[in-house]
Amino acid sequence: MRSADGFSARERPDGDIGSHRVRFWLVWVAVIATAVAAEPAAITGKAMGTTWTVKWVQPTPALAAAEVEHRVAARLEQLEQQLSTYRPTSDLSRFNASGTCGWVDVPTELAAVAAQSRELSVLTDGAFDATVWPLVQLWGFGAQRRSGPLPTAEEIARGRALVDWRALETRAEPPALRRTRPGMTADFASLAKGFSADAVGGLLTGLGATNHLVLIAGDVRSAGQGLDGLGWRVAIEPAETGVARVVTLTGEALGTSGDYRNFFAQGGRRYGHIIDPRSGEPVRGELAAVSVIAETSAAASSRATALFVLGADAGFRFASERGWAALFQVRRADRIEQRVTPALDSRR
């Protein structure tokens, strides 16, 4: 869905950072804008195996779009080189391939992403786990798509033996990662695009564009009061048709995790790309998608993934108890039911 002043984007299935994995597919996002006298400046590009779009209300003096585009592209390239699991030369791939159980020096941002991931793992008692990468690959949601029969119980057990967030440690000074279990690998896809959206937002603010909206695939980060002083209005794509909900962002972020775009069906069961680290299998249940509003895009996208793993009921209770603004899209026999946490319901 697209308005004259809005935009939409969809993540590609052959993307680089996280187009397949524990994090989520977020879907289509449209910015709903009322009629205003001046159009915002806008640029688009490609990075991390997907598309990105940035809109901003011009400061005084105005920013040259070409220069902003150059700066944004360079920042995203820098982060992709740190966080990608597809690039064999990235800092994360280098850590994964090192095999050592000693400290491996990494850039500051990679260490920060790992630390944020660990905090959410602690909070969710392992429902969110960045070390699930071996299972993601096993189920065919990595660079190589799986063909043929489903993974065997033995294969799943071997993969689960390499999954444990507690065995991945991070250090801020000097920044480094360490595994305490040989063979363990990490994948921060559930935070990477959100973290990058936050970084681009910081770049724009530094350039003087303090009223802006950043979209990387489906991770959204806002700043300022939007085009009309009432905030940036963003429509969340539903699991079926129409608009699931329109939310207003004034400095917050929006992230969605769902299984209705990246999945396969076999033997009468749907297998989505979001893996439950506790079972070693794609998440079972009635959830189609979870959307979360949070203070940062990294938090919004990773929380959405964690809630999706927890499920329609446990995830809803978890989010409600913590005051998280979240929308749950739940599959019923003949419809998609929307469940809204009190924190989101109060944003009217």
Protein backbone atom coordinates (compact mmCIF):
# COMPACT_ATOMS: atom_id res chain seq x y z
CA MET A 1 0.00 0.00 0.00
CA ARG A 2 1.40 3.38 -0.96
CA SER A 3 0.21 6.94 -0.54
CA ALA A 4 1.35 9.83 -2.68
CA ASP A 5 3.68 10.98 0.06
CA GLY A 6 4.55 7.56 1.41
CA PHE A 7 6.70 4.62 0.50
CA SER A 8 6.72 0.90 0.82
CA ALA A 9 9.44 -1.73 0.78
CA ARG A 10 9.75 -5.46 1.00
CA GLU A 11 12.73 -7.55 1.96
CA ARG A 12 13.97 -9.94 -0.67
CA PRO A 13 14.32 -13.66 0.06
CA ASP A 14 17.89 -13.69 -1.28
CA GLY A 15 19.02 -10.88 0.97
CA ASP A 16 22.22 -10.61 2.95
CA ILE A 17 21.74 -9.74 6.58
CA GLY A 18 18.75 -11.53 8.00
CA SER A 19 16.43 -11.92 5.07
CA HIS A 20 15.71 -15.44 6.25
CA ARG A 21 16.26 -15.83 9.88
CA VAL A 22 15.43 -15.53 13.50
CA ARG A 23 14.46 -12.12 13.16
CA PHE A 24 11.76 -11.81 11.03
CA TRP A 25 10.43 -10.76 7.88
CA LEU A 26 8.82 -7.40 8.06
CA VAL A 27 6.74 -7.06 5.33
CA TRP A 28 5.41 -3.95 3.68
CA VAL A 29 5.41 -0.65 5.44
CA ALA A 30 3.69 2.45 4.13
CA VAL A 31 4.08 5.94 5.46
CA ILE A 32 0.73 7.69 5.59
CA ALA A 33 1.05 11.43 5.13
CA THR A 34 -1.51 14.19 5.14
CA ALA A 35 -1.39 16.91 2.55
CA VAL A 36 1.33 19.41 3.38
CA ALA A 37 2.81 22.33 1.55
CA ALA A 38 6.31 20.91 1.11
CA GLU A 39 7.42 17.44 0.19
CA PRO A 40 10.14 15.87 2.32
CA ALA A 41 13.48 15.08 0.74
CA ALA A 42 13.81 11.39 -0.06
CA ILE A 43 16.53 9.00 -1.19
CA THR A 44 16.63 5.25 -1.71
CA GLY A 45 19.29 2.64 -2.23
CA LYS A 46 20.25 -0.99 -1.81
CA ALA A 47 22.31 -2.56 0.95
CA MET A 48 22.30 -5.69 3.11
CA GLY A 49 20.49 -7.61 0.37
CA THR A 50 17.46 -5.34 0.51
CA THR A 51 16.36 -1.77 -0.10
CA TRP A 52 16.49 1.24 2.16
CA THR A 53 14.65 4.55 2.07
CA VAL A 54 15.26 7.76 3.99
CA LYS A 55 12.96 10.77 4.19
CA TRP A 56 13.65 14.02 5.98
CA VAL A 57 12.30 17.51 6.39
CA GLN A 58 15.01 19.82 5.12
CA PRO A 59 16.86 21.88 7.72
CA THR A 60 18.25 25.29 7.00
CA PRO A 61 20.47 25.30 5.04
CA ALA A 62 19.09 22.36 3.09
CA LEU A 63 21.09 19.17 2.68
CA ALA A 64 22.15 18.00 -0.76
CA ALA A 65 20.40 14.71 -1.45
CA ALA A 66 23.41 13.29 -3.31
CA GLU A 67 25.70 13.93 -0.37
CA VAL A 68 23.24 12.37 2.10
CA GLU A 69 22.85 9.35 -0.15
CA HIS A 70 26.63 8.93 -0.29
CA ARG A 71 26.97 9.18 3.48
CA VAL A 72 24.12 6.75 4.18
CA ALA A 73 25.42 4.20 1.67
CA ALA A 74 28.90 4.36 3.15
CA ARG A 75 27.59 3.88 6.69
CA LEU A 76 25.50 0.88 5.68
CA GLU A 77 28.43 -0.66 3.84
CA GLN A 78 30.56 -0.26 6.96
CA LEU A 79 27.97 -2.02 9.10
CA GLU A 80 27.33 -4.78 6.57
CA GLN A 81 31.04 -5.54 6.53
CA GLN A 82 30.82 -6.04 10.27
CA LEU A 83 27.53 -7.90 10.66
CA SER A 84 26.97 -10.00 7.55
CA THR A 85 26.93 -13.80 7.71
CA TYR A 86 26.94 -13.96 3.90
CA ARG A 87 30.22 -12.16 3.35
CA PRO A 88 33.10 -14.49 4.20
CA THR A 89 35.31 -11.46 4.86
CA SER A 90 32.96 -9.76 7.34
CA ASP A 91 33.99 -9.38 10.96
CA LEU A 92 31.22 -11.71 12.11
CA SER A 93 32.13 -14.35 9.52
CA ARG A 94 35.74 -14.06 10.62
CA PHE A 95 34.71 -14.73 14.21
CA ASN A 96 32.48 -17.65 13.20
CA ALA A 97 35.28 -19.22 11.16
CA SER A 98 38.02 -18.65 13.73
CA GLY A 99 37.26 -21.80 15.74
CA THR A 100 39.07 -20.39 18.75
CA CYS A 101 37.59 -20.26 22.23
CA GLY A 102 39.73 -17.24 23.04
CA TRP A 103 38.79 -13.60 22.67
CA VAL A 104 38.52 -12.39 19.06
CA ASP A 105 38.83 -8.65 18.49
CA VAL A 106 35.82 -7.16 16.71
CA PRO A 107 34.63 -3.62 15.89
CA THR A 108 32.83 -1.66 18.56
CA GLU A 109 29.45 -1.91 16.84
CA LEU A 110 29.60 -5.70 16.50
CA ALA A 111 30.40 -6.01 20.20
CA ALA A 112 27.50 -3.68 21.00
CA VAL A 113 25.07 -5.76 18.92
CA ALA A 114 26.25 -8.92 20.67
CA ALA A 115 25.76 -7.29 24.07
CA GLN A 116 22.20 -6.18 23.19
CA SER A 117 21.44 -9.69 21.94
CA ARG A 118 22.66 -11.22 25.18
CA GLU A 119 20.52 -8.84 27.26
CA LEU A 120 17.38 -9.98 25.43
CA SER A 121 18.41 -13.62 25.80
CA VAL A 122 18.67 -13.13 29.54
CA LEU A 123 15.30 -11.37 29.66
CA THR A 124 13.53 -14.08 27.65
CA ASP A 125 15.37 -17.03 29.24
CA GLY A 126 16.77 -18.08 25.88
CA ALA A 127 13.70 -17.68 23.67
CA PHE A 128 15.87 -15.16 21.83
CA ASP A 129 19.25 -16.66 20.97
CA ALA A 130 21.80 -15.36 18.44
CA THR A 131 23.65 -18.69 18.40
CA VAL A 132 20.76 -20.39 16.57
CA TRP A 133 22.59 -19.99 13.24
CA PRO A 134 23.44 -23.73 12.81
CA LEU A 135 19.73 -24.57 13.03
CA VAL A 136 18.78 -21.80 10.62
CA GLN A 137 21.16 -23.31 8.09
CA LEU A 138 19.98 -26.84 8.83
CA TRP A 139 16.37 -25.92 8.02
CA GLY A 140 17.38 -24.27 4.75
CA PHE A 141 16.95 -20.62 5.63
CA GLY A 142 20.60 -19.70 5.20
CA ALA A 143 22.50 -19.02 2.00
CA GLN A 144 21.79 -22.57 0.85
CA ARG A 145 18.13 -23.52 0.62
CA ARG A 146 17.33 -27.01 1.81
CA SER A 147 15.89 -29.54 -0.62
CA GLY A 148 14.69 -33.04 0.01
CA PRO A 149 13.54 -34.49 3.33
CA LEU A 150 13.19 -32.58 6.57
CA PRO A 151 16.06 -32.63 9.06
CA THR A 152 16.24 -35.79 11.12
CA ALA A 153 16.01 -35.86 14.90
CA GLU A 154 19.74 -36.64 15.00
CA GLU A 155 20.58 -33.64 12.83
CA ILE A 156 18.45 -31.36 14.98
CA ALA A 157 20.10 -32.69 18.13
CA ARG A 158 23.55 -31.98 16.70
CA GLY A 159 22.48 -28.48 15.78
CA ARG A 160 20.97 -27.83 19.21
CA ALA A 161 24.25 -28.87 20.83
CA LEU A 162 25.81 -25.76 19.26
CA VAL A 163 23.08 -23.38 20.42
CA ASP A 164 23.39 -21.67 23.79
CA TRP A 165 23.48 -17.91 24.23
CA ARG A 166 25.30 -18.31 27.55
CA ALA A 167 28.32 -19.70 25.71
CA LEU A 168 28.77 -16.53 23.66
CA GLU A 169 30.46 -13.76 25.60
CA THR A 170 31.07 -10.14 24.68
CA ARG A 171 33.50 -7.52 25.89
CA ALA A 172 33.27 -3.77 25.37
CA GLU A 173 36.85 -2.68 26.09
CA PRO A 174 38.65 -3.65 23.99
CA PRO A 175 35.69 -4.88 21.93
CA ALA A 176 35.78 -8.63 21.43
CA LEU A 177 33.69 -11.80 21.29
CA ARG A 178 34.43 -15.19 22.76
CA ARG A 179 32.78 -18.60 22.46
CA THR A 180 33.12 -21.04 25.32
CA ARG A 181 31.93 -24.00 23.25
CA PRO A 182 33.90 -25.15 20.19
CA GLY A 183 32.02 -24.92 16.90
CA MET A 184 29.52 -22.33 18.08
CA THR A 185 28.59 -19.58 15.61
CA ALA A 186 26.54 -16.40 15.88
CA ASP A 187 24.05 -14.58 13.71
CA PHE A 188 22.74 -11.16 14.74
CA ALA A 189 20.25 -10.78 11.90
CA SER A 190 17.42 -10.03 14.31
CA LEU A 191 19.21 -6.85 15.33
CA ALA A 192 21.40 -6.01 12.34
CA LYS A 193 19.01 -4.08 10.13
CA GLY A 194 17.39 -2.39 13.12
CA PHE A 195 20.79 -1.45 14.53
CA SER A 196 21.71 -0.07 11.10
CA ALA A 197 18.49 1.96 10.93
CA ASP A 198 19.41 3.47 14.29
CA ALA A 199 22.88 4.25 13.00
CA VAL A 200 21.53 5.97 9.89
CA GLY A 201 19.16 7.96 12.09
CA GLY A 202 22.13 9.11 14.13
CA LEU A 203 23.94 10.09 10.96
CA LEU A 204 20.99 12.19 9.77
CA THR A 205 20.69 13.91 13.12
CA GLY A 206 24.39 14.71 12.99
CA LEU A 207 23.89 16.30 9.58
CA GLY A 208 21.13 18.52 10.96
CA ALA A 209 18.13 16.55 9.64
CA THR A 210 16.49 16.06 13.02
CA ASN A 211 13.04 15.33 11.55
CA HIS A 212 13.38 12.11 9.54
CA LEU A 213 12.24 8.57 8.88
CA VAL A 214 14.53 5.63 8.06
CA LEU A 215 13.37 2.33 6.59
CA ILE A 216 15.73 -0.59 6.01
CA ALA A 217 13.69 -3.47 4.65
CA GLY A 218 10.94 -3.31 7.26
CA ASP A 219 12.81 -1.81 10.21
CA VAL A 220 11.64 1.74 10.82
CA ARG A 221 13.30 4.47 12.88
CA SER A 222 11.81 7.94 13.26
CA ALA A 223 12.87 11.30 14.64
CA GLY A 224 10.98 14.55 14.97
CA GLN A 225 7.33 15.34 14.36
CA GLY A 226 6.88 14.26 10.76
CA LEU A 227 5.63 16.31 7.85
CA ASP A 228 2.77 18.05 9.58
CA GLY A 229 3.95 18.24 13.16
CA LEU A 230 1.75 15.31 14.20
CA GLY A 231 4.31 12.56 13.81
CA TRP A 232 5.22 10.03 11.14
CA ARG A 233 2.22 7.79 10.47
CA VAL A 234 3.21 4.28 9.46
CA ALA A 235 0.91 1.47 8.34
CA ILE A 236 1.77 -2.08 9.35
CA GLU A 237 1.12 -4.64 6.64
CA PRO A 238 -1.30 -7.35 7.64
CA ALA A 239 -0.77 -11.07 7.24
CA GLU A 240 -3.63 -11.07 4.74
CA THR A 241 -5.20 -7.93 3.26
CA GLY A 242 -5.87 -4.33 4.15
CA VAL A 243 -3.95 -2.42 6.81
CA ALA A 244 -3.32 -4.10 10.15
CA ARG A 245 -2.91 -0.84 12.04
CA VAL A 246 -1.62 2.69 11.56
CA VAL A 247 0.77 3.91 14.24
CA THR A 248 2.29 7.32 14.83
CA LEU A 249 6.00 7.56 15.53
CA THR A 250 7.68 10.61 17.06
CA GLY A 251 11.20 9.42 17.75
CA GLU A 252 10.37 5.75 18.25
CA ALA A 253 10.99 2.70 16.08
CA LEU A 254 8.84 -0.08 14.68
CA GLY A 255 9.84 -3.67 13.98
CA THR A 256 7.89 -6.73 12.85
CA SER A 257 8.65 -10.43 12.89
CA GLY A 258 6.50 -12.91 10.97
CA ASP A 259 6.53 -16.16 9.03
CA TYR A 260 4.02 -15.54 6.25
CA ARG A 261 6.54 -14.53 3.58
CA ASN A 262 9.52 -16.82 4.15
CA PHE A 263 8.35 -20.38 4.70
CA PHE A 264 7.79 -23.73 3.04
CA ALA A 265 5.05 -26.29 3.50
CA GLN A 266 5.59 -30.03 3.73
CA GLY A 267 3.48 -32.86 5.06
CA GLY A 268 0.61 -30.55 5.87
CA ARG A 269 2.72 -28.31 8.10
CA ARG A 270 4.01 -24.80 7.56
CA TYR A 271 7.72 -24.28 8.33
CA GLY A 272 8.68 -20.64 8.80
CA HIS A 273 12.15 -19.16 8.92
CA ILE A 274 11.99 -18.20 12.61
CA ILE A 275 13.60 -21.00 14.60
CA ASP A 276 12.75 -21.74 18.22
CA PRO A 277 16.17 -22.32 19.85
CA ARG A 278 14.52 -24.37 22.57
CA SER A 279 13.09 -27.00 20.23
CA GLY A 280 15.49 -26.69 17.33
CA GLU A 281 12.57 -26.41 14.91
CA PRO A 282 10.67 -23.61 13.19
CA VAL A 283 8.23 -21.94 15.56
CA ARG A 284 4.90 -23.75 15.82
CA GLY A 285 1.68 -22.01 16.68
CA GLU A 286 -0.97 -19.63 15.47
CA LEU A 287 1.07 -16.44 15.17
CA ALA A 288 1.44 -14.84 11.75
CA ALA A 289 3.35 -11.74 12.88
CA VAL A 290 4.26 -9.56 15.83
CA SER A 291 4.96 -5.83 15.56
CA VAL A 292 6.64 -3.85 18.33
CA ILE A 293 7.21 -0.15 18.94
CA ALA A 294 10.32 0.57 21.00
CA GLU A 295 12.84 3.28 21.70
CA THR A 296 15.28 1.96 19.09
CA SER A 297 14.91 -0.03 15.91
CA ALA A 298 17.31 -2.71 17.19
CA ALA A 299 15.11 -3.20 20.26
CA ALA A 300 11.87 -3.20 18.26
CA SER A 301 12.99 -5.82 15.74
CA SER A 302 14.66 -8.13 18.24
CA ARG A 303 11.73 -7.93 20.67
CA ALA A 304 9.35 -8.80 17.85
CA THR A 305 11.38 -11.93 17.11
CA ALA A 306 11.50 -12.92 20.77
CA LEU A 307 7.74 -12.48 21.16
CA PHE A 308 7.11 -14.51 18.02
CA VAL A 309 9.14 -17.37 19.48
CA LEU A 310 7.29 -17.13 22.81
CA GLY A 311 3.98 -17.45 20.97
CA ALA A 312 0.55 -15.88 20.82
CA ASP A 313 -0.37 -16.37 24.47
CA ALA A 314 2.94 -16.42 26.37
CA GLY A 315 4.35 -13.67 24.16
CA PHE A 316 1.30 -11.47 24.66
CA ARG A 317 1.52 -11.86 28.45
CA PHE A 318 5.25 -11.22 28.39
CA ALA A 319 4.87 -8.01 26.37
CA SER A 320 1.91 -6.77 28.41
CA GLU A 321 3.65 -7.32 31.74
CA ARG A 322 6.65 -5.30 30.56
CA GLY A 323 4.65 -2.45 29.08
CA TRP A 324 5.74 -3.14 25.52
CA ALA A 325 3.60 -1.69 22.73
CA ALA A 326 2.92 -4.69 20.51
CA LEU A 327 0.46 -5.95 17.92
CA PHE A 328 -0.04 -9.72 17.58
CA GLN A 329 -1.59 -11.05 14.37
CA VAL A 330 -2.99 -14.48 15.21
CA ARG A 331 -4.27 -17.03 12.71
CA ARG A 332 -7.76 -18.28 13.34
CA ALA A 333 -9.78 -20.72 11.24
CA ASP A 334 -11.23 -18.08 8.95
CA ARG A 335 -9.47 -14.83 9.79
CA ILE A 336 -6.50 -13.03 11.31
CA GLU A 337 -7.22 -11.83 14.84
CA GLN A 338 -5.41 -8.75 16.09
CA ARG A 339 -4.38 -8.64 19.72
CA VAL A 340 -3.09 -5.31 21.02
CA THR A 341 -1.17 -4.91 24.26
CA PRO A 342 -2.35 -2.19 26.65
CA ALA A 343 0.72 -0.07 25.88
CA LEU A 344 -0.11 -0.02 22.18
CA ASP A 345 -3.83 0.41 22.76
CA SER A 346 -3.14 3.54 24.81
CA ARG A 347 -1.34 5.17 21.86
CA ARG A 348 -4.51 6.67 20.42
